[in-house]
Amino acid sequence: MNDRRMEFLEWRNSQLRRLIGARARYQGGIYEILEVIEDEPALVLQDTSHSTIQADQHGEAHRRVPSTVTVPLPLDPDGAVDLAGTEIELIEAAPEESRVPAD
């Protein structure tokens, strides 16, 4: 892979990582962006209003945890992420981006 392509992928992945912590609407629910899978690329979303029962290693249900969903991100012909091509609508910036710098 050439240097320009590697630089582009690093830039794209850094842009995606900035989304971690942001809130988004997806298929009618409100989610928090929990993780970026850079290889595919994809976003891991955590449902903020619903939970599911999690079983332990023996299959016994012991606790409720937020459900997650992995959303593949389509790429345009140049390899850039086409967020508009998904059902994800960003509704709140990630905590780092929403902070106002101190004077």
Foldseek 3Di string as FASTA:
>chain_A
DDPVVVVVLVVQVVVVVQQQQFWKAAPNFIWGFHDFDSPQTKTKTWTPPDWDFDADPVRHTDDTDTDIDIGGFDADPVRHTDPVPHRIGTDGGHPVVPDDDDD
